[in-house]
Protein backbone atom coordinates (compact mmCIF):
# COMPACT_ATOMS: atom_id res chain seq x y z
CA MET A 1 0.00 0.00 0.00
CA PRO A 2 2.02 2.97 -1.21
CA GLY A 3 1.84 6.05 0.98
CA ALA A 4 0.41 4.32 4.06
CA PHE A 5 3.76 4.38 5.81
CA THR A 6 7.21 5.91 5.68
CA VAL A 7 10.37 5.13 7.61
CA ARG A 8 12.43 7.69 9.51
CA SER A 9 16.21 7.52 9.49
CA ASP A 10 16.13 6.01 13.02
CA GLY A 11 13.94 3.11 11.80
CA THR A 12 10.68 4.41 13.28
CA VAL A 13 7.71 3.66 11.03
CA LEU A 14 5.20 6.48 10.45
CA LEU A 15 1.80 4.98 9.69
CA SER A 16 -1.18 6.93 8.29
CA VAL A 17 -4.54 5.92 9.71
CA VAL A 18 -8.16 7.04 9.53
CA VAL A 19 -10.06 6.38 12.74
CA GLN A 20 -13.74 5.79 13.42
CA PRO A 21 -14.21 6.30 17.17
CA GLY A 22 -17.24 4.99 19.05
CA ALA A 23 -17.61 1.98 16.75
CA ARG A 24 -19.69 -1.03 17.72
CA ARG A 25 -17.14 -3.45 16.25
CA PRO A 26 -13.55 -2.33 16.83
CA GLY A 27 -10.74 -3.55 14.60
CA VAL A 28 -8.82 -3.01 11.41
CA VAL A 29 -11.19 -2.34 8.51
CA GLY A 30 -8.72 -2.22 5.64
CA ARG A 31 -7.33 0.31 3.22
CA HIS A 32 -8.72 3.82 2.97
CA GLY A 33 -6.88 5.64 0.19
CA ASP A 34 -3.29 6.04 1.34
CA ALA A 35 -4.14 5.11 4.93
CA VAL A 36 -5.40 2.25 7.06
CA LYS A 37 -8.94 2.53 8.41
CA LEU A 38 -9.38 1.55 12.03
CA ARG A 39 -12.46 1.32 14.26
CA VAL A 40 -12.24 1.72 18.01
CA SER A 41 -15.05 1.53 20.53
CA ALA A 42 -13.63 4.30 22.71
CA PRO A 43 -15.22 7.72 22.28
CA ALA A 44 -13.25 10.65 20.88
CA GLU A 45 -12.95 12.46 24.18
CA ALA A 46 -10.04 13.09 26.54
CA GLY A 47 -7.66 11.08 24.31
CA ARG A 48 -9.46 7.79 24.91
CA ALA A 49 -9.79 6.98 21.19
CA ASN A 50 -6.11 7.83 20.61
CA ARG A 51 -5.06 5.42 23.35
CA ALA A 52 -7.32 2.73 21.87
CA VAL A 53 -5.81 3.30 18.41
CA CYS A 54 -2.28 2.90 19.77
CA GLU A 55 -3.27 -0.28 21.61
CA LEU A 56 -4.96 -1.71 18.51
CA VAL A 57 -2.00 -1.02 16.21
CA ALA A 58 0.45 -2.36 18.80
CA SER A 59 -1.63 -5.51 19.11
CA VAL A 60 -1.78 -6.27 15.39
CA LEU A 61 1.92 -5.51 14.86
CA GLY A 62 3.13 -7.35 17.95
CA ALA A 63 4.54 -4.24 19.61
CA ARG A 64 4.14 -2.83 23.10
CA PRO A 65 1.44 -0.13 23.35
CA ALA A 66 4.14 2.28 24.58
CA ASP A 67 5.94 1.83 21.24
CA VAL A 68 3.02 3.37 19.31
CA THR A 69 2.33 7.10 19.64
CA VAL A 70 0.22 9.67 17.81
CA VAL A 71 2.59 12.19 16.21
CA SER A 72 -0.01 14.24 14.32
CA GLY A 73 -3.77 14.47 14.12
CA ALA A 74 -4.49 13.93 17.81
CA SER A 75 -7.86 15.71 17.46
CA SER A 76 -8.58 14.52 13.92
CA ARG A 77 -9.80 11.28 12.38
CA HIS A 78 -6.72 11.37 10.12
CA LYS A 79 -3.63 10.54 12.18
CA ARG A 80 0.05 9.71 11.80
CA LEU A 81 1.36 7.13 14.23
CA ALA A 82 5.00 6.52 15.12
CA VAL A 83 5.69 2.81 15.57
CA ARG A 84 8.98 1.86 17.19
CA SER A 85 10.46 -1.63 17.61
CA VAL A 86 8.69 -3.05 14.55
CA PRO A 87 10.72 -3.59 11.36
CA PRO A 88 9.40 -1.81 8.26
CA ALA A 89 9.21 -5.15 6.45
CA ALA A 90 6.76 -6.44 9.09
CA VAL A 91 4.54 -3.37 8.60
CA SER A 92 4.69 -3.82 4.83
CA ASP A 93 3.75 -7.51 5.13
CA TRP A 94 0.81 -6.64 7.42
CA LEU A 95 -0.43 -3.94 5.03
CA ALA A 96 -0.30 -6.43 2.15
CA THR A 97 -2.83 -8.64 3.97
CA LEU A 98 -5.44 -5.88 4.35
CA PRO A 99 -8.53 -5.85 2.14
CA ASP A 100 -9.05 -2.98 -0.31
């Protein structure tokens, strides 16, 4: 999925996501343009949805929740996440499994 992620010089992966907070069925939906669409059940208030997004991405990539942070879009549905401790190849392989 071109454009969904980039890699910083320190190896940190920057992942573009679109989030649907307050969803009945949380999880990874699939591709959404040049981003990954995620659903979380947490409401978009007081950072609860952002924490849920970080936990979800950490879970699917096999990282610790502390290794996933929101670097832009904290108050938007469109976010950029920094993912540390996960090789870019693993992110690329995961993205390849997502439905269109």
